Amino acid sequence: MKPVKHDSVGRQVEGDTKAGKKAMYEQLMEEVVRDENVASALRAVMRNKGAPGIDHMTTAELEGHLRQHWASIKSKLLVEMV
């Protein structure tokens, strides 16, 4: 008998099924895109003055970009789960 897995709120999740894996992924992505987590990540990037990434966006540009485009970015990340 396999061990029972639970999600972040204690619901039983069968992780070995396609539906169970999808549910676990959805819960993870919902946590990733929570406004509090994104704000925390942005503060960490700004504090570390990270180097531009592959998109060549500086940390100075990042905050404005996220303010302008976050709703669309978040929606696309969550739609990809379906």
PDB file of N, CA and C in Angstrom:
ATOM      1  N   MET A   1       0.846  -1.184   0.000  1.00  0.00           N
ATOM      2  CA  MET A   1       0.000   0.000   0.000  1.00  0.00           C
ATOM      3  C   MET A   1       0.889   1.245   0.000  1.00  0.00           C
ATOM      4  N   LYS A   2       0.583   2.195  -0.875  1.00  0.00           N
ATOM      5  CA  LYS A   2       1.367   3.422  -0.993  1.00  0.00           C
ATOM      6  C   LYS A   2       0.948   4.421   0.083  1.00  0.00           C
ATOM      7  N   PRO A   3       1.904   5.259   0.521  1.00  0.00           N
ATOM      8  CA  PRO A   3       1.540   6.284   1.507  1.00  0.00           C
ATOM      9  C   PRO A   3       0.563   7.292   0.899  1.00  0.00           C
ATOM     10  N   VAL A   4      -0.306   7.806   1.731  1.00  0.00           N
ATOM     11  CA  VAL A   4      -1.287   8.795   1.299  1.00  0.00           C
ATOM     12  C   VAL A   4      -0.624  10.164   1.320  1.00  0.00           C
ATOM     13  N   LYS A   5      -0.824  10.935   0.249  1.00  0.00           N
ATOM     14  CA  LYS A   5      -0.269  12.284   0.166  1.00  0.00           C
ATOM     15  C   LYS A   5      -1.374  13.290   0.446  1.00  0.00           C
ATOM     16  N   HIS A   6      -0.978  14.429   1.023  1.00  0.00           N
ATOM     17  CA  HIS A   6      -1.936  15.491   1.320  1.00  0.00           C
ATOM     18  C   HIS A   6      -1.429  16.795   0.733  1.00  0.00           C
ATOM     19  N   ASP A   7      -2.355  17.659   0.335  1.00  0.00           N
ATOM     20  CA  ASP A   7      -1.965  18.960  -0.183  1.00  0.00           C
ATOM     21  C   ASP A   7      -1.728  19.926   0.973  1.00  0.00           C
ATOM     22  N   SER A   8      -1.498  21.194   0.627  1.00  0.00           N
ATOM     23  CA  SER A   8      -1.126  22.189   1.634  1.00  0.00           C
ATOM     24  C   SER A   8      -2.226  22.485   2.647  1.00  0.00           C
ATOM     25  N   VAL A   9      -3.462  22.119   2.343  1.00  0.00           N
ATOM     26  CA  VAL A   9      -4.550  22.342   3.298  1.00  0.00           C
ATOM     27  C   VAL A   9      -5.092  21.037   3.859  1.00  0.00           C
ATOM     28  N   GLY A  10      -4.345  19.957   3.687  1.00  0.00           N
ATOM     29  CA  GLY A  10      -4.697  18.695   4.302  1.00  0.00           C
ATOM     30  C   GLY A  10      -5.610  17.783   3.507  1.00  0.00           C
ATOM     31  N   ARG A  11      -5.948  18.171   2.277  1.00  0.00           N
ATOM     32  CA  ARG A  11      -6.789  17.305   1.457  1.00  0.00           C
ATOM     33  C   ARG A  11      -5.957  16.149   0.911  1.00  0.00           C
ATOM     34  N   GLN A  12      -6.558  14.989   0.854  1.00  0.00           N
ATOM     35  CA  GLN A  12      -5.859  13.820   0.333  1.00  0.00           C
ATOM     36  C   GLN A  12      -5.701  13.967  -1.176  1.00  0.00           C
ATOM     37  N   VAL A  13      -4.489  13.707  -1.671  1.00  0.00           N
ATOM     38  CA  VAL A  13      -4.201  13.804  -3.097  1.00  0.00           C
ATOM     39  C   VAL A  13      -3.512  12.522  -3.523  1.00  0.00           C
ATOM     40  N   GLU A  14      -3.998  11.923  -4.575  1.00  0.00           N
ATOM     41  CA  GLU A  14      -3.342  10.735  -5.118  1.00  0.00           C
ATOM     42  C   GLU A  14      -2.326  11.227  -6.138  1.00  0.00           C
ATOM     43  N   GLY A  15      -1.062  11.243  -5.760  1.00  0.00           N
ATOM     44  CA  GLY A  15      -0.010  11.824  -6.588  1.00  0.00           C
ATOM     45  C   GLY A  15       0.431  10.969  -7.746  1.00  0.00           C
ATOM     46  N   ASP A  16       0.064   9.693  -7.786  1.00  0.00           N
ATOM     47  CA  ASP A  16       0.524   8.826  -8.854  1.00  0.00           C
ATOM     48  C   ASP A  16      -0.417   8.815 -10.045  1.00  0.00           C
ATOM     49  N   THR A  17      -1.527   9.484  -9.946  1.00  0.00           N
ATOM     50  CA  THR A  17      -2.446   9.556 -11.075  1.00  0.00           C
ATOM     51  C   THR A  17      -2.218  10.861 -11.810  1.00  0.00           C
ATOM     52  N   LYS A  18      -2.610  10.885 -13.073  1.00  0.00           N
ATOM     53  CA  LYS A  18      -2.469  12.107 -13.859  1.00  0.00           C
ATOM     54  C   LYS A  18      -3.258  13.250 -13.213  1.00  0.00           C
ATOM     55  N   ALA A  19      -4.468  12.947 -12.759  1.00  0.00           N
ATOM     56  CA  ALA A  19      -5.300  13.975 -12.118  1.00  0.00           C
ATOM     57  C   ALA A  19      -4.671  14.448 -10.814  1.00  0.00           C
ATOM     58  N   GLY A  20      -4.094  13.524 -10.046  1.00  0.00           N
ATOM     59  CA  GLY A  20      -3.446  13.893  -8.791  1.00  0.00           C
ATOM     60  C   GLY A  20      -2.240  14.780  -9.012  1.00  0.00           C
ATOM     61  N   LYS A  21      -1.444  14.448 -10.019  1.00  0.00           N
ATOM     62  CA  LYS A  21      -0.265  15.266 -10.327  1.00  0.00           C
ATOM     63  C   LYS A  21      -0.684  16.642 -10.811  1.00  0.00           C
ATOM     64  N   LYS A  22      -1.748  16.694 -11.619  1.00  0.00           N
ATOM     65  CA  LYS A  22      -2.243  17.982 -12.100  1.00  0.00           C
ATOM     66  C   LYS A  22      -2.723  18.828 -10.928  1.00  0.00           C
ATOM     67  N   ALA A  23      -3.436  18.216  -9.997  1.00  0.00           N
ATOM     68  CA  ALA A  23      -3.938  18.947  -8.831  1.00  0.00           C
ATOM     69  C   ALA A  23      -2.784  19.487  -7.995  1.00  0.00           C
ATOM     70  N   MET A  24      -1.746  18.677  -7.813  1.00  0.00           N
ATOM     71  CA  MET A  24      -0.584  19.134  -7.042  1.00  0.00           C
ATOM     72  C   MET A  24       0.109  20.292  -7.756  1.00  0.00           C
ATOM     73  N   TYR A  25       0.232  20.214  -9.083  1.00  0.00           N
ATOM     74  CA  TYR A  25       0.847  21.286  -9.864  1.00  0.00           C
ATOM     75  C   TYR A  25       0.017  22.561  -9.761  1.00  0.00           C
ATOM     76  N   GLU A  26      -1.301  22.430  -9.882  1.00  0.00           N
ATOM     77  CA  GLU A  26      -2.178  23.596  -9.789  1.00  0.00           C
ATOM     78  C   GLU A  26      -2.035  24.283  -8.436  1.00  0.00           C
ATOM     79  N   GLN A  27      -2.000  23.500  -7.370  1.00  0.00           N
ATOM     80  CA  GLN A  27      -1.860  24.072  -6.029  1.00  0.00           C
ATOM     81  C   GLN A  27      -0.521  24.780  -5.877  1.00  0.00           C
ATOM     82  N   LEU A  28       0.527  24.189  -6.428  1.00  0.00           N
ATOM     83  CA  LEU A  28       1.844  24.813  -6.361  1.00  0.00           C
ATOM     84  C   LEU A  28       1.856  26.130  -7.126  1.00  0.00           C
ATOM     85  N   MET A  29       1.312  26.141  -8.339  1.00  0.00           N
ATOM     86  CA  MET A  29       1.304  27.365  -9.138  1.00  0.00           C
ATOM     87  C   MET A  29       0.460  28.450  -8.481  1.00  0.00           C
ATOM     88  N   GLU A  30      -0.655  28.067  -7.877  1.00  0.00           N
ATOM     89  CA  GLU A  30      -1.473  29.058  -7.181  1.00  0.00           C
ATOM     90  C   GLU A  30      -0.692  29.693  -6.039  1.00  0.00           C
ATOM     91  N   GLU A  31       0.137  28.911  -5.377  1.00  0.00           N
ATOM     92  CA  GLU A  31       0.979  29.435  -4.294  1.00  0.00           C
ATOM     93  C   GLU A  31       2.078  30.337  -4.863  1.00  0.00           C
ATOM     94  N   VAL A  32       2.669  29.927  -5.975  1.00  0.00           N
ATOM     95  CA  VAL A  32       3.743  30.700  -6.610  1.00  0.00           C
ATOM     96  C   VAL A  32       3.249  32.084  -7.007  1.00  0.00           C
ATOM     97  N   VAL A  33       2.052  32.175  -7.573  1.00  0.00           N
ATOM     98  CA  VAL A  33       1.571  33.457  -8.093  1.00  0.00           C
ATOM     99  C   VAL A  33       0.792  34.285  -7.073  1.00  0.00           C
ATOM    100  N   ARG A  34       0.698  33.806  -5.828  1.00  0.00           N
ATOM    101  CA  ARG A  34       0.051  34.625  -4.789  1.00  0.00           C
ATOM    102  C   ARG A  34       0.769  35.964  -4.701  1.00  0.00           C
ATOM    103  N   ASP A  35       0.009  37.026  -4.613  1.00  0.00           N
ATOM    104  CA  ASP A  35       0.582  38.374  -4.596  1.00  0.00           C
ATOM    105  C   ASP A  35       1.652  38.533  -3.521  1.00  0.00           C
ATOM    106  N   GLU A  36       1.421  37.945  -2.347  1.00  0.00           N
ATOM    107  CA  GLU A  36       2.391  38.069  -1.254  1.00  0.00           C
ATOM    108  C   GLU A  36       3.724  37.414  -1.628  1.00  0.00           C
ATOM    109  N   ASN A  37       3.670  36.278  -2.308  1.00  0.00           N
ATOM    110  CA  ASN A  37       4.898  35.587  -2.693  1.00  0.00           C
ATOM    111  C   ASN A  37       5.644  36.325  -3.794  1.00  0.00           C
ATOM    112  N   VAL A  38       4.904  36.877  -4.739  1.00  0.00           N
ATOM    113  CA  VAL A  38       5.538  37.641  -5.812  1.00  0.00           C
ATOM    114  C   VAL A  38       6.174  38.904  -5.239  1.00  0.00           C
ATOM    115  N   ALA A  39       5.480  39.575  -4.337  1.00  0.00           N
ATOM    116  CA  ALA A  39       6.031  40.781  -3.709  1.00  0.00           C
ATOM    117  C   ALA A  39       7.294  40.449  -2.923  1.00  0.00           C
ATOM    118  N   SER A  40       7.286  39.335  -2.221  1.00  0.00           N
ATOM    119  CA  SER A  40       8.465  38.906  -1.462  1.00  0.00           C
ATOM    120  C   SER A  40       9.635  38.607  -2.392  1.00  0.00           C
ATOM    121  N   ALA A  41       9.361  37.928  -3.491  1.00  0.00           N
ATOM    122  CA  ALA A  41      10.415  37.616  -4.465  1.00  0.00           C
ATOM    123  C   ALA A  41      10.967  38.898  -5.081  1.00  0.00           C
ATOM    124  N   LEU A  42      10.089  39.836  -5.397  1.00  0.00           N
ATOM    125  CA  LEU A  42      10.540  41.105  -5.969  1.00  0.00           C
ATOM    126  C   LEU A  42      11.429  41.856  -4.983  1.00  0.00           C
ATOM    127  N   ARG A  43      11.035  41.886  -3.709  1.00  0.00           N
ATOM    128  CA  ARG A  43      11.874  42.552  -2.702  1.00  0.00           C
ATOM    129  C   ARG A  43      13.253  41.903  -2.628  1.00  0.00           C
ATOM    130  N   ALA A  44      13.303  40.580  -2.693  1.00  0.00           N
ATOM    131  CA  ALA A  44      14.590  39.875  -2.634  1.00  0.00           C
ATOM    132  C   ALA A  44      15.449  40.216  -3.839  1.00  0.00           C
ATOM    133  N   VAL A  45      14.854  40.261  -5.010  1.00  0.00           N
ATOM    134  CA  VAL A  45      15.603  40.603  -6.225  1.00  0.00           C
ATOM    135  C   VAL A  45      16.118  42.034  -6.129  1.00  0.00           C
ATOM    136  N   MET A  46      15.266  42.954  -5.688  1.00  0.00           N
ATOM    137  CA  MET A  46      15.677  44.358  -5.579  1.00  0.00           C
ATOM    138  C   MET A  46      16.784  44.516  -4.537  1.00  0.00           C
ATOM    139  N   ARG A  47      16.662  43.811  -3.434  1.00  0.00           N
ATOM    140  CA  ARG A  47      17.662  43.887  -2.373  1.00  0.00           C
ATOM    141  C   ARG A  47      19.011  43.354  -2.861  1.00  0.00           C
ATOM    142  N   ASN A  48      18.977  42.287  -3.644  1.00  0.00           N
ATOM    143  CA  ASN A  48      20.211  41.678  -4.146  1.00  0.00           C
ATOM    144  C   ASN A  48      20.760  42.376  -5.379  1.00  0.00           C
ATOM    145  N   LYS A  49      19.977  43.307  -5.926  1.00  0.00           N
ATOM    146  CA  LYS A  49      20.385  44.021  -7.140  1.00  0.00           C
ATOM    147  C   LYS A  49      20.856  43.031  -8.200  1.00  0.00           C
ATOM    148  N   GLY A  50      20.000  42.050  -8.460  1.00  0.00           N
ATOM    149  CA  GLY A  50      20.334  40.984  -9.401  1.00  0.00           C
ATOM    150  C   GLY A  50      20.694  41.494 -10.784  1.00  0.00           C
ATOM    151  N   ALA A  51      21.516  40.728 -11.463  1.00  0.00           N
ATOM    152  CA  ALA A  51      21.928  41.054 -12.826  1.00  0.00           C
ATOM    153  C   ALA A  51      20.755  40.821 -13.780  1.00  0.00           C
ATOM    154  N   PRO A  52      20.738  41.547 -14.898  1.00  0.00           N
ATOM    155  CA  PRO A  52      19.686  41.316 -15.885  1.00  0.00           C
ATOM    156  C   PRO A  52      19.689  39.863 -16.352  1.00  0.00           C
ATOM    157  N   GLY A  53      18.512  39.364 -16.664  1.00  0.00           N
ATOM    158  CA  GLY A  53      18.389  37.993 -17.143  1.00  0.00           C
ATOM    159  C   GLY A  53      18.474  37.936 -18.649  1.00  0.00           C
ATOM    160  N   ILE A  54      17.962  36.856 -19.197  1.00  0.00           N
ATOM    161  CA  ILE A  54      18.016  36.654 -20.644  1.00  0.00           C
ATOM    162  C   ILE A  54      17.240  37.735 -21.389  1.00  0.00           C
ATOM    163  N   ASP A  55      16.278  38.345 -20.719  1.00  0.00           N
ATOM    164  CA  ASP A  55      15.488  39.418 -21.333  1.00  0.00           C
ATOM    165  C   ASP A  55      16.171  40.781 -21.218  1.00  0.00           C
ATOM    166  N   HIS A  56      17.329  40.833 -20.564  1.00  0.00           N
ATOM    167  CA  HIS A  56      18.126  42.062 -20.380  1.00  0.00           C
ATOM    168  C   HIS A  56      17.412  43.117 -19.544  1.00  0.00           C
ATOM    169  N   MET A  57      16.374  42.731 -18.807  1.00  0.00           N
ATOM    170  CA  MET A  57      15.647  43.676 -17.972  1.00  0.00           C
ATOM    171  C   MET A  57      16.406  43.883 -16.664  1.00  0.00           C
ATOM    172  N   THR A  58      16.626  45.131 -16.302  1.00  0.00           N
ATOM    173  CA  THR A  58      17.312  45.439 -15.050  1.00  0.00           C
ATOM    174  C   THR A  58      16.326  45.377 -13.894  1.00  0.00           C
ATOM    175  N   THR A  59      16.861  45.330 -12.679  1.00  0.00           N
ATOM    176  CA  THR A  59      15.980  45.329 -11.511  1.00  0.00           C
ATOM    177  C   THR A  59      15.186  46.628 -11.445  1.00  0.00           C
ATOM    178  N   ALA A  60      15.772  47.718 -11.915  1.00  0.00           N
ATOM    179  CA  ALA A  60      15.068  48.999 -11.920  1.00  0.00           C
ATOM    180  C   ALA A  60      13.847  48.945 -12.837  1.00  0.00           C
ATOM    181  N   GLU A  61      13.937  48.201 -13.914  1.00  0.00           N
ATOM    182  CA  GLU A  61      12.827  48.083 -14.859  1.00  0.00           C
ATOM    183  C   GLU A  61      11.792  47.049 -14.414  1.00  0.00           C
ATOM    184  N   LEU A  62      12.234  46.082 -13.642  1.00  0.00           N
ATOM    185  CA  LEU A  62      11.381  44.954 -13.282  1.00  0.00           C
ATOM    186  C   LEU A  62      10.129  45.359 -12.514  1.00  0.00           C
ATOM    187  N   GLU A  63      10.275  46.193 -11.512  1.00  0.00           N
ATOM    188  CA  GLU A  63       9.120  46.557 -10.691  1.00  0.00           C
ATOM    189  C   GLU A  63       8.025  47.205 -11.530  1.00  0.00           C
ATOM    190  N   GLY A  64       8.402  48.160 -12.373  1.00  0.00           N
ATOM    191  CA  GLY A  64       7.415  48.814 -13.236  1.00  0.00           C
ATOM    192  C   GLY A  64       6.766  47.843 -14.209  1.00  0.00           C
ATOM    193  N   HIS A  65       7.580  46.945 -14.745  1.00  0.00           N
ATOM    194  CA  HIS A  65       7.070  45.943 -15.683  1.00  0.00           C
ATOM    195  C   HIS A  65       6.036  45.049 -14.995  1.00  0.00           C
ATOM    196  N   LEU A  66       6.355  44.603 -13.790  1.00  0.00           N
ATOM    197  CA  LEU A  66       5.409  43.753 -13.061  1.00  0.00           C
ATOM    198  C   LEU A  66       4.136  44.509 -12.701  1.00  0.00           C
ATOM    199  N   ARG A  67       4.276  45.769 -12.297  1.00  0.00           N
ATOM    200  CA  ARG A  67       3.081  46.556 -11.965  1.00  0.00           C
ATOM    201  C   ARG A  67       2.158  46.674 -13.187  1.00  0.00           C
ATOM    202  N   GLN A  68       2.760  46.868 -14.346  1.00  0.00           N
ATOM    203  CA  GLN A  68       1.978  47.058 -15.564  1.00  0.00           C
ATOM    204  C   GLN A  68       1.422  45.740 -16.116  1.00  0.00           C
ATOM    205  N   HIS A  69       2.178  44.661 -16.003  1.00  0.00           N
ATOM    206  CA  HIS A  69       1.824  43.426 -16.701  1.00  0.00           C
ATOM    207  C   HIS A  69       1.489  42.242 -15.795  1.00  0.00           C
ATOM    208  N   TRP A  70       1.521  42.413 -14.464  1.00  0.00           N
ATOM    209  CA  TRP A  70       1.362  41.262 -13.575  1.00  0.00           C
ATOM    210  C   TRP A  70       0.055  40.502 -13.802  1.00  0.00           C
ATOM    211  N   ALA A  71      -1.049  41.196 -13.974  1.00  0.00           N
ATOM    212  CA  ALA A  71      -2.334  40.505 -14.147  1.00  0.00           C
ATOM    213  C   ALA A  71      -2.286  39.569 -15.352  1.00  0.00           C
ATOM    214  N   SER A  72      -1.706  40.035 -16.437  1.00  0.00           N
ATOM    215  CA  SER A  72      -1.599  39.217 -17.643  1.00  0.00           C
ATOM    216  C   SER A  72      -0.630  38.053 -17.449  1.00  0.00           C
ATOM    217  N   ILE A  73       0.506  38.314 -16.821  1.00  0.00           N
ATOM    218  CA  ILE A  73       1.494  37.262 -16.563  1.00  0.00           C
ATOM    219  C   ILE A  73       0.882  36.181 -15.674  1.00  0.00           C
ATOM    220  N   LYS A  74       0.231  36.609 -14.605  1.00  0.00           N
ATOM    221  CA  LYS A  74      -0.385  35.665 -13.665  1.00  0.00           C
ATOM    222  C   LYS A  74      -1.440  34.820 -14.368  1.00  0.00           C
ATOM    223  N   SER A  75      -2.270  35.464 -15.160  1.00  0.00           N
ATOM    224  CA  SER A  75      -3.318  34.753 -15.884  1.00  0.00           C
ATOM    225  C   SER A  75      -2.725  33.704 -16.820  1.00  0.00           C
ATOM    226  N   LYS A  76      -1.677  34.068 -17.534  1.00  0.00           N
ATOM    227  CA  LYS A  76      -1.042  33.123 -18.460  1.00  0.00           C
ATOM    228  C   LYS A  76      -0.423  31.949 -17.710  1.00  0.00           C
ATOM    229  N   LEU A  77       0.192  32.218 -16.582  1.00  0.00           N
ATOM    230  CA  LEU A  77       0.774  31.125 -15.800  1.00  0.00           C
ATOM    231  C   LEU A  77      -0.303  30.166 -15.309  1.00  0.00           C
ATOM    232  N   LEU A  78      -1.426  30.695 -14.880  1.00  0.00           N
ATOM    233  CA  LEU A  78      -2.497  29.843 -14.373  1.00  0.00           C
ATOM    234  C   LEU A  78      -3.253  29.137 -15.496  1.00  0.00           C
ATOM    235  N   VAL A  79      -3.386  29.766 -16.647  1.00  0.00           N
ATOM    236  CA  VAL A  79      -4.065  29.144 -17.786  1.00  0.00           C
ATOM    237  C   VAL A  79      -3.257  27.960 -18.295  1.00  0.00           C
ATOM    238  N   GLU A  80      -1.938  28.051 -18.241  1.00  0.00           N
ATOM    239  CA  GLU A  80      -1.084  26.962 -18.709  1.00  0.00           C
ATOM    240  C   GLU A  80      -1.331  25.688 -17.921  1.00  0.00           C
ATOM    241  N   MET A  81      -1.922  25.795 -16.746  1.00  0.00           N
ATOM    242  CA  MET A  81      -2.176  24.620 -15.912  1.00  0.00           C
ATOM    243  C   MET A  81      -3.311  23.778 -16.472  1.00  0.00           C
ATOM    244  N   VAL A  82      -4.206  24.388 -17.197  1.00  0.00           N
ATOM    245  CA  VAL A  82      -5.419  23.693 -17.644  1.00  0.00           C
ATOM    246  C   VAL A  82      -5.140  22.714 -18.744  1.00  0.00           C
TER     247      VAL A  82
END
